[in-house]
Amino acid sequence: MQDTLRLRLVREIRSLATPGPRMADELACVASVLLAVVLAHWAGARMVSWAALSALILLKSDTAETLRRGVMRMVGTLIGAGLALVLVPLAAQSVLIACLSAGVIGGVGLYGMLTGRRAYAWFLFGLTFEIILLDKLSHPALDTIEFARTRLVEVGAGTVACTIVSLIAAFLQGNEWLKNRKPRPDRMRWNPTAARHAAQTGIALALLPAIYAFTKMPELTQAAITIMAVMIVPVAGIGQSGLIPVSRRLYQRAIGCIAGGAVSAAVILLAGGSLIVLVAGLSVGIVVGRHIENGDNKINYVGLQFSIAVLTALAPTITPTSTCRPPPGACSASLRAWPCWSRSCWLGISWCHACSNAARMTRRTPSPPQPDRQKAETPQPVVVSTTSAPGPFLRMDSIAFFAEALLE
């Protein structure tokens, strides 16, 4: 699998300079992200990278779809932040309440993401609550109301930026920009497979407040984001436990994050504080990540995670000033923050793998012996999947992986 992934990545990189709709979409993403950074600074946002991330994720080839997703992101963020204002002050006083609220609300948000018509709003509802809760636990003096307000500002800046760019692109390209319109999704219906998968997510999220209470590990918000992001898999592909599709996303997320982090560190070190070099590095990183994301469906998640890692590291170093230099310490702060961010991501990865693996083991039931037909029957795919792993995460012991992430 590793060789196949490498060959696919090389093939996508070789086609990077090919003019066409993909290049137009990549340039639109660069414009959307840079505009979001400017708007976020103008609005006084706390996390510029979140505004840039919103602009990257929301931009689609259909302007109406971009606006619809932007509204859902705003609504989900607003509801999640409002619920956090009510529950987080209570959860900050009790580890039990923090664990229960993190598990229930995160699980409900992911279930809505898997089955609901307004899936993106459900996801942002759960994700926003988890971020505010874990940030409050890590920083007890944090003003929850102000944090919720600035999160809305950041999402709003990204939404406005990508909507403006999408409208301009639609005006310049006409029907070519609108040809990828997707059909309207169905309404939410009860699905036991999705409910089981969401329950696994809730269990993993519920353990994060307890982990912080015992270890004081910083930046656990990134672990929560990792857990919710990698557990987003099609319901039809979950199977008995979701182990294989989740592990595949974990594998691709790790590759994208490591590659994006390495590229970002090189850009920061080579830039020497030059804003022009930082902007150029961010732009190239977005183009490469978006190109991979829009290419082969089997590796597109690597491209998305590469772009996110580049945004997380480089966007905070970029400010719209006339001096063409970022504020003092911004570049070094991004480098210092990266180890905490990556460690929290690895923690989320280990927990997702552990929960999926535990679910697989609990659902395995031995079939009755059939000696006469044993040689004639072809083994079912689920039997093969328990012995042949698609990536290294299935060959790791989950408990050892988790312990290593804590002790590093």
Protein backbone atom coordinates (compact mmCIF):
# COMPACT_ATOMS: atom_id res chain seq x y z
CA MET A 1 0.00 0.00 0.00
CA GLN A 2 2.84 2.38 0.80
CA ASP A 3 4.35 1.91 -2.70
CA THR A 4 0.96 2.46 -4.30
CA LEU A 5 0.39 5.61 -2.28
CA ARG A 6 3.84 6.92 -3.17
CA LEU A 7 3.30 6.30 -6.89
CA ARG A 8 -0.06 8.04 -6.81
CA LEU A 9 1.40 11.05 -5.03
CA VAL A 10 4.25 11.27 -7.55
CA ARG A 11 1.76 11.08 -10.42
CA GLU A 12 -0.32 13.90 -8.95
CA ILE A 13 2.73 16.11 -8.35
CA ARG A 14 3.88 15.63 -11.96
CA SER A 15 0.53 16.92 -13.22
CA LEU A 16 0.70 20.00 -10.97
CA ALA A 17 1.58 22.49 -13.73
CA THR A 18 -1.15 21.35 -16.12
CA PRO A 19 -3.52 24.24 -16.98
CA GLY A 20 -7.22 23.57 -16.59
CA PRO A 21 -10.12 23.61 -14.11
CA ARG A 22 -7.98 22.09 -11.34
CA MET A 23 -5.41 24.87 -11.60
CA ALA A 24 -8.18 27.47 -11.55
CA ASP A 25 -9.61 25.92 -8.39
CA GLU A 26 -6.16 25.87 -6.77
CA LEU A 27 -5.56 29.56 -7.53
CA ALA A 28 -9.03 30.38 -6.22
CA CYS A 29 -8.14 28.57 -2.97
CA VAL A 30 -4.99 30.67 -2.60
CA ALA A 31 -6.95 33.87 -3.11
CA SER A 32 -9.65 32.74 -0.69
CA VAL A 33 -7.16 31.86 2.07
CA LEU A 34 -5.14 35.06 1.74
CA LEU A 35 -8.30 37.17 1.74
CA ALA A 36 -9.52 35.31 4.84
CA VAL A 37 -6.23 36.08 6.61
CA VAL A 38 -6.60 39.78 5.82
CA LEU A 39 -10.24 39.85 6.97
CA ALA A 40 -9.41 37.93 10.15
CA HIS A 41 -6.70 40.42 11.09
CA TRP A 42 -9.01 43.31 10.28
CA ALA A 43 -11.74 41.83 12.51
CA GLY A 44 -9.33 41.11 15.37
CA ALA A 45 -9.61 37.31 15.24
CA ARG A 46 -7.73 35.26 17.84
CA MET A 47 -6.80 32.33 15.57
CA VAL A 48 -6.14 33.51 12.02
CA SER A 49 -5.44 29.95 10.92
CA TRP A 50 -9.04 28.96 11.70
CA ALA A 51 -10.35 31.66 9.36
CA ALA A 52 -7.93 30.49 6.66
CA LEU A 53 -9.02 26.88 7.22
CA SER A 54 -12.66 27.87 6.86
CA ALA A 55 -11.91 29.60 3.56
CA LEU A 56 -10.06 26.54 2.27
CA ILE A 57 -12.65 23.93 3.24
CA LEU A 58 -15.73 25.90 2.26
CA LEU A 59 -14.66 26.83 -1.27
CA LYS A 60 -16.44 24.66 -3.82
CA SER A 61 -17.01 24.84 -7.57
CA ASP A 62 -20.64 25.79 -6.99
CA THR A 63 -21.15 29.27 -5.53
CA ALA A 64 -24.53 28.27 -4.09
CA GLU A 65 -22.94 25.22 -2.44
CA THR A 66 -20.14 27.40 -1.06
CA LEU A 67 -22.65 29.81 0.46
CA ARG A 68 -24.78 26.94 1.79
CA ARG A 69 -21.81 25.32 3.47
CA GLY A 70 -20.75 28.68 4.87
CA VAL A 71 -24.18 29.19 6.43
CA MET A 72 -24.12 25.68 7.89
CA ARG A 73 -20.65 26.29 9.30
CA MET A 74 -21.82 29.52 10.90
CA VAL A 75 -25.02 27.96 12.30
CA GLY A 76 -23.22 24.88 13.64
CA THR A 77 -20.52 27.04 15.22
CA LEU A 78 -23.12 29.35 16.77
CA ILE A 79 -25.15 26.51 18.30
CA GLY A 80 -22.06 24.67 19.54
CA ALA A 81 -20.63 27.85 21.06
CA GLY A 82 -23.98 28.67 22.69
CA LEU A 83 -24.21 25.24 24.26
CA ALA A 84 -20.60 25.54 25.41
CA LEU A 85 -21.40 28.79 27.22
CA VAL A 86 -23.96 26.88 29.28
CA LEU A 87 -22.14 23.59 29.95
CA VAL A 88 -18.43 24.45 29.95
CA PRO A 89 -18.51 26.43 33.23
CA LEU A 90 -20.02 23.35 34.89
CA ALA A 91 -17.68 20.93 33.12
CA ALA A 92 -14.65 22.94 34.20
CA GLN A 93 -15.52 22.14 37.83
CA SER A 94 -16.00 18.39 37.37
CA VAL A 95 -14.03 15.88 35.33
CA LEU A 96 -17.06 13.57 35.21
CA ILE A 97 -19.29 16.26 33.70
CA ALA A 98 -16.54 17.20 31.26
CA CYS A 99 -16.16 13.59 30.11
CA LEU A 100 -19.91 13.03 29.75
CA SER A 101 -20.52 16.27 27.87
CA ALA A 102 -17.55 15.73 25.55
CA GLY A 103 -18.66 12.20 24.70
CA VAL A 104 -22.39 12.85 24.26
CA ILE A 105 -22.18 16.08 22.28
CA GLY A 106 -19.28 14.93 20.14
CA GLY A 107 -21.03 11.66 19.36
CA VAL A 108 -24.30 13.40 18.49
CA GLY A 109 -22.44 15.82 16.22
CA LEU A 110 -20.70 13.02 14.34
CA TYR A 111 -23.92 11.01 13.98
CA GLY A 112 -25.56 14.06 12.42
CA MET A 113 -22.56 14.46 10.13
CA LEU A 114 -22.90 10.87 8.91
CA THR A 115 -26.65 10.81 8.39
CA GLY A 116 -28.11 14.34 8.35
CA ARG A 117 -29.05 16.61 5.47
CA ARG A 118 -27.34 19.52 7.25
CA ALA A 119 -24.33 17.31 7.91
CA TYR A 120 -21.75 20.08 7.99
CA ALA A 121 -23.70 22.05 10.59
CA TRP A 122 -23.91 18.97 12.81
CA PHE A 123 -20.18 18.43 12.55
CA LEU A 124 -19.30 22.04 13.44
CA PHE A 125 -21.78 21.91 16.31
CA GLY A 126 -19.92 19.03 17.95
CA LEU A 127 -16.45 20.24 16.99
CA THR A 128 -16.96 23.78 18.30
CA PHE A 129 -18.16 22.47 21.65
CA GLU A 130 -15.15 20.15 21.97
CA ILE A 131 -12.69 22.93 21.14
CA ILE A 132 -14.16 25.39 23.65
CA LEU A 133 -14.41 22.72 26.36
CA LEU A 134 -10.84 21.47 26.02
CA ASP A 135 -9.42 24.98 25.68
CA LYS A 136 -11.21 25.95 28.89
CA LEU A 137 -9.81 22.92 30.69
CA SER A 138 -6.29 23.74 29.49
CA HIS A 139 -6.63 27.45 30.29
CA PRO A 140 -8.97 27.94 33.28
CA ALA A 141 -8.62 31.73 33.06
CA LEU A 142 -9.93 31.72 29.48
CA ASP A 143 -12.91 34.01 28.89
CA THR A 144 -15.39 31.54 27.37
CA ILE A 145 -17.68 34.25 25.99
CA GLU A 146 -14.82 36.04 24.27
CA PHE A 147 -13.47 32.77 22.91
CA ALA A 148 -16.87 31.86 21.46
CA ARG A 149 -17.19 35.34 19.93
CA THR A 150 -13.80 35.23 18.24
CA ARG A 151 -14.51 31.74 16.91
CA LEU A 152 -17.61 33.13 15.19
CA VAL A 153 -15.52 36.01 13.84
CA GLU A 154 -12.96 33.59 12.43
CA VAL A 155 -15.58 31.42 10.75
CA GLY A 156 -17.32 34.52 9.44
CA ALA A 157 -14.10 35.88 7.93
CA GLY A 158 -13.43 32.59 6.14
CA THR A 159 -17.02 32.34 4.92
CA VAL A 160 -17.06 35.88 3.54
CA ALA A 161 -13.68 35.39 1.86
CA CYS A 162 -14.54 32.14 0.09
CA THR A 163 -17.97 33.48 -0.98
CA ILE A 164 -16.38 36.56 -2.56
CA VAL A 165 -13.78 34.48 -4.39
CA SER A 166 -16.39 31.95 -5.52
CA LEU A 167 -18.60 34.72 -6.94
CA ILE A 168 -15.66 36.24 -8.81
CA ALA A 169 -14.64 32.83 -10.17
CA ALA A 170 -18.21 32.12 -11.29
CA PHE A 171 -18.35 35.50 -13.05
CA LEU A 172 -15.04 34.89 -14.85
CA GLN A 173 -15.58 31.24 -15.83
CA GLY A 174 -19.34 31.06 -16.17
CA ASN A 175 -20.86 27.60 -16.41
CA GLU A 176 -17.47 25.87 -16.16
CA TRP A 177 -17.26 26.86 -12.49
CA LEU A 178 -20.81 25.65 -11.77
CA LYS A 179 -20.82 22.27 -13.52
CA ASN A 180 -19.98 20.22 -10.39
CA ARG A 181 -23.22 20.89 -8.55
CA LYS A 182 -24.11 18.05 -6.18
CA PRO A 183 -27.60 16.62 -5.60
CA ARG A 184 -29.44 17.58 -2.43
CA PRO A 185 -28.81 15.08 0.39
CA ASP A 186 -31.58 13.05 2.02
CA ARG A 187 -33.07 13.77 5.43
CA MET A 188 -31.72 12.16 8.56
CA ARG A 189 -32.97 8.66 9.32
CA TRP A 190 -32.06 6.29 12.11
CA ASN A 191 -29.06 4.19 11.19
CA PRO A 192 -27.70 1.71 13.76
CA THR A 193 -24.33 1.39 12.00
CA ALA A 194 -23.80 5.15 12.10
CA ALA A 195 -24.98 5.21 15.71
CA ARG A 196 -22.43 2.57 16.70
CA HIS A 197 -19.68 4.46 14.88
CA ALA A 198 -20.68 7.72 16.56
CA ALA A 199 -20.68 5.97 19.94
CA GLN A 200 -17.08 4.89 19.37
CA THR A 201 -16.25 8.53 18.62
CA GLY A 202 -18.02 9.65 21.77
CA ILE A 203 -16.04 7.20 23.90
CA ALA A 204 -12.75 8.44 22.46
CA LEU A 205 -13.74 12.08 23.04
CA ALA A 206 -14.98 11.37 26.56
CA LEU A 207 -11.53 10.15 27.56
CA LEU A 208 -9.76 13.40 26.60
CA PRO A 209 -10.80 15.46 29.67
CA ALA A 210 -9.66 12.61 31.92
CA ILE A 211 -6.36 12.41 30.08
CA TYR A 212 -5.79 16.11 30.62
CA ALA A 213 -6.70 15.83 34.29
CA PHE A 214 -3.96 13.23 34.82
CA THR A 215 -1.28 14.32 32.32
CA LYS A 216 -1.84 18.07 31.70
CA MET A 217 -0.98 17.45 28.04
CA PRO A 218 -1.30 20.74 26.10
CA GLU A 219 -3.29 21.36 22.91
CA LEU A 220 -5.74 18.49 23.37
CA THR A 221 -8.10 20.36 21.06
CA GLN A 222 -6.05 18.96 18.18
CA ALA A 223 -6.67 15.44 19.49
CA ALA A 224 -10.42 16.12 19.48
CA ILE A 225 -10.24 17.53 15.94
CA THR A 226 -8.29 14.47 14.81
CA ILE A 227 -10.77 12.07 16.36
CA MET A 228 -13.81 13.70 14.77
CA ALA A 229 -12.14 14.23 11.40
CA VAL A 230 -10.86 10.70 10.83
CA MET A 231 -14.11 9.12 11.97
CA ILE A 232 -15.97 10.75 9.07
CA VAL A 233 -16.35 7.80 6.73
CA PRO A 234 -19.31 6.80 4.51
CA VAL A 235 -21.85 4.78 6.45
CA ALA A 236 -21.88 2.11 3.76
CA GLY A 237 -18.14 1.61 4.20
CA ILE A 238 -18.01 1.39 8.01
CA GLY A 239 -18.44 -2.39 8.15
CA GLN A 240 -18.39 -4.22 11.47
CA SER A 241 -16.19 -1.74 13.32
CA GLY A 242 -14.93 0.95 10.96
CA LEU A 243 -11.37 -0.20 11.62
CA ILE A 244 -10.19 -0.37 8.01
CA PRO A 245 -11.66 2.91 6.66
CA VAL A 246 -10.70 4.83 9.81
CA SER A 247 -7.18 3.39 9.78
CA ARG A 248 -6.82 4.39 6.14
CA ARG A 249 -7.79 7.96 6.98
CA LEU A 250 -5.43 7.91 9.98
CA TYR A 251 -2.60 6.78 7.73
CA GLN A 252 -3.28 9.50 5.17
CA ARG A 253 -3.75 12.15 7.85
CA ALA A 254 -0.40 11.27 9.39
CA ILE A 255 1.37 11.46 6.03
CA GLY A 256 -0.25 14.79 5.14
CA CYS A 257 0.44 16.34 8.54
CA ILE A 258 4.07 15.22 8.67
CA ALA A 259 4.77 16.40 5.13
CA GLY A 260 2.98 19.70 5.65
CA GLY A 261 4.76 20.30 8.95
CA ALA A 262 8.17 19.60 7.41
CA VAL A 263 7.51 21.93 4.49
CA SER A 264 6.22 24.67 6.80
CA ALA A 265 9.24 24.41 9.08
CA ALA A 266 11.55 24.70 6.07
CA VAL A 267 9.67 27.76 4.80
CA ILE A 268 9.82 29.48 8.20
CA LEU A 269 13.53 28.81 8.57
CA LEU A 270 14.35 29.91 5.02
CA ALA A 271 12.13 32.99 5.17
CA GLY A 272 14.13 34.63 7.94
CA GLY A 273 11.10 36.74 8.81
CA SER A 274 10.35 37.83 5.24
CA LEU A 275 6.60 38.18 4.76
CA ILE A 276 6.93 37.77 0.99
CA VAL A 277 8.62 34.38 1.36
CA LEU A 278 6.05 33.26 3.93
CA VAL A 279 3.14 34.22 1.67
CA ALA A 280 4.80 32.46 -1.27
CA GLY A 281 5.38 29.33 0.81
CA LEU A 282 1.77 29.33 2.02
CA SER A 283 0.49 29.79 -1.53
CA VAL A 284 2.60 26.97 -2.95
CA GLY A 285 1.59 24.68 -0.10
CA ILE A 286 -2.09 25.35 -0.74
CA VAL A 287 -1.69 24.71 -4.47
CA VAL A 288 0.09 21.39 -3.90
CA GLY A 289 -2.37 20.23 -1.23
CA ARG A 290 -5.45 21.23 -3.21
CA HIS A 291 -4.08 19.58 -6.34
CA ILE A 292 -3.69 16.26 -4.53
CA GLU A 293 -7.09 16.69 -2.89
CA ASN A 294 -8.79 17.16 -6.28
CA GLY A 295 -6.98 14.21 -7.85
CA ASP A 296 -7.04 10.50 -7.09
CA ASN A 297 -9.94 9.72 -4.73
CA LYS A 298 -7.85 7.16 -2.86
CA ILE A 299 -5.26 9.71 -1.70
CA ASN A 300 -7.21 13.01 -1.66
CA TYR A 301 -7.27 13.10 2.15
CA VAL A 302 -3.47 13.39 2.13
CA GLY A 303 -3.77 16.60 0.16
CA LEU A 304 -6.36 18.08 2.51
CA GLN A 305 -4.24 17.34 5.58
CA PHE A 306 -1.14 18.72 3.87
CA SER A 307 -2.96 22.01 3.25
CA ILE A 308 -4.29 22.12 6.82
CA ALA A 309 -0.82 21.55 8.29
CA VAL A 310 0.64 24.32 6.12
CA LEU A 311 -2.16 26.71 7.10
CA THR A 312 -1.79 25.92 10.79
CA ALA A 313 1.93 26.72 10.76
CA LEU A 314 2.18 29.58 8.27
CA ALA A 315 -1.07 31.55 8.49
CA PRO A 316 -0.34 32.96 12.00
CA THR A 317 2.97 34.38 10.71
CA ILE A 318 1.31 36.46 8.00
CA THR A 319 0.01 39.96 8.80
CA PRO A 320 -1.20 42.62 6.33
CA THR A 321 1.35 45.27 7.31
CA SER A 322 3.36 47.69 5.23
CA THR A 323 6.66 46.50 6.70
CA CYS A 324 6.49 43.17 4.81
CA ARG A 325 7.60 41.39 7.98
CA PRO A 326 5.53 39.38 10.47
CA PRO A 327 5.34 40.47 14.11
CA PRO A 328 8.39 39.60 16.24
CA GLY A 329 8.34 36.02 17.48
CA ALA A 330 5.51 34.86 15.21
CA CYS A 331 7.69 32.46 13.21
CA SER A 332 9.44 31.01 16.25
CA ALA A 333 6.09 30.66 18.02
CA SER A 334 4.77 28.59 15.12
CA LEU A 335 7.81 26.31 15.31
CA ARG A 336 7.48 25.93 19.08
CA ALA A 337 3.75 25.17 18.82
CA TRP A 338 4.22 22.42 16.23
CA PRO A 339 5.46 19.67 18.63
CA CYS A 340 2.41 20.15 20.90
CA TRP A 341 0.08 20.14 17.91
CA SER A 342 1.60 17.01 16.39
CA ARG A 343 1.67 15.16 19.72
CA SER A 344 -2.02 15.87 20.24
CA CYS A 345 -2.77 14.67 16.71
CA TRP A 346 -0.92 11.41 17.44
CA LEU A 347 -2.92 11.01 20.61
CA GLY A 348 -6.15 11.37 18.66
CA ILE A 349 -4.89 8.89 16.09
CA SER A 350 -4.05 6.30 18.74
CA TRP A 351 -7.43 6.66 20.44
CA CYS A 352 -9.37 6.30 17.17
CA HIS A 353 -7.44 3.18 16.31
CA ALA A 354 -7.90 1.74 19.79
CA CYS A 355 -11.68 2.32 19.78
CA SER A 356 -12.14 0.89 16.29
CA ASN A 357 -9.96 -2.11 17.11
CA ALA A 358 -11.88 -2.75 20.35
CA ALA A 359 -15.18 -2.57 18.49
CA ARG A 360 -13.92 -5.07 15.95
CA MET A 361 -12.82 -7.51 18.64
CA THR A 362 -16.09 -7.30 20.55
CA ARG A 363 -18.16 -7.91 17.41
CA ARG A 364 -16.20 -10.92 16.18
CA THR A 365 -18.32 -14.04 16.72
CA PRO A 366 -16.95 -17.48 15.88
CA SER A 367 -18.80 -19.22 13.09
CA PRO A 368 -19.93 -22.84 13.59
CA PRO A 369 -17.46 -25.45 12.31
CA GLN A 370 -18.19 -26.75 8.82
CA PRO A 371 -15.49 -29.32 8.01
CA ASP A 372 -17.10 -30.54 4.80
CA ARG A 373 -17.27 -27.09 3.20
CA GLN A 374 -14.21 -25.42 4.74
CA LYS A 375 -11.93 -25.96 1.76
CA ALA A 376 -14.54 -25.26 -0.86
CA GLU A 377 -15.70 -21.90 0.46
CA THR A 378 -13.86 -18.67 -0.32
CA PRO A 379 -12.97 -16.64 2.79
CA GLN A 380 -15.11 -13.56 3.26
CA PRO A 381 -13.44 -10.13 3.05
CA VAL A 382 -14.03 -9.41 6.72
CA VAL A 383 -11.99 -12.48 7.66
CA VAL A 384 -9.13 -11.39 5.44
CA SER A 385 -9.21 -7.88 6.89
CA THR A 386 -8.41 -9.20 10.36
CA THR A 387 -5.17 -10.74 9.21
CA SER A 388 -3.98 -8.45 6.42
CA ALA A 389 -3.69 -4.78 7.33
CA PRO A 390 -3.84 -1.96 4.75
CA GLY A 391 -1.34 0.17 6.63
CA PRO A 392 1.04 0.34 9.57
CA PHE A 393 -1.59 1.50 12.04
CA LEU A 394 -3.31 -1.88 11.89
CA ARG A 395 -0.07 -3.61 12.76
CA MET A 396 0.58 -1.50 15.87
CA ASP A 397 -0.49 -2.39 19.32
CA SER A 398 -2.96 0.34 20.29
CA ILE A 399 -2.04 0.44 23.96
CA ALA A 400 1.69 0.70 23.26
CA PHE A 401 1.05 3.40 20.67
CA PHE A 402 -1.02 5.42 23.14
CA ALA A 403 1.57 5.03 25.90
CA GLU A 404 4.32 6.17 23.56
CA ALA A 405 2.33 9.25 22.59
CA LEU A 406 1.95 10.19 26.26
CA LEU A 407 5.56 9.61 27.23
CA GLU A 408 7.25 11.42 24.33
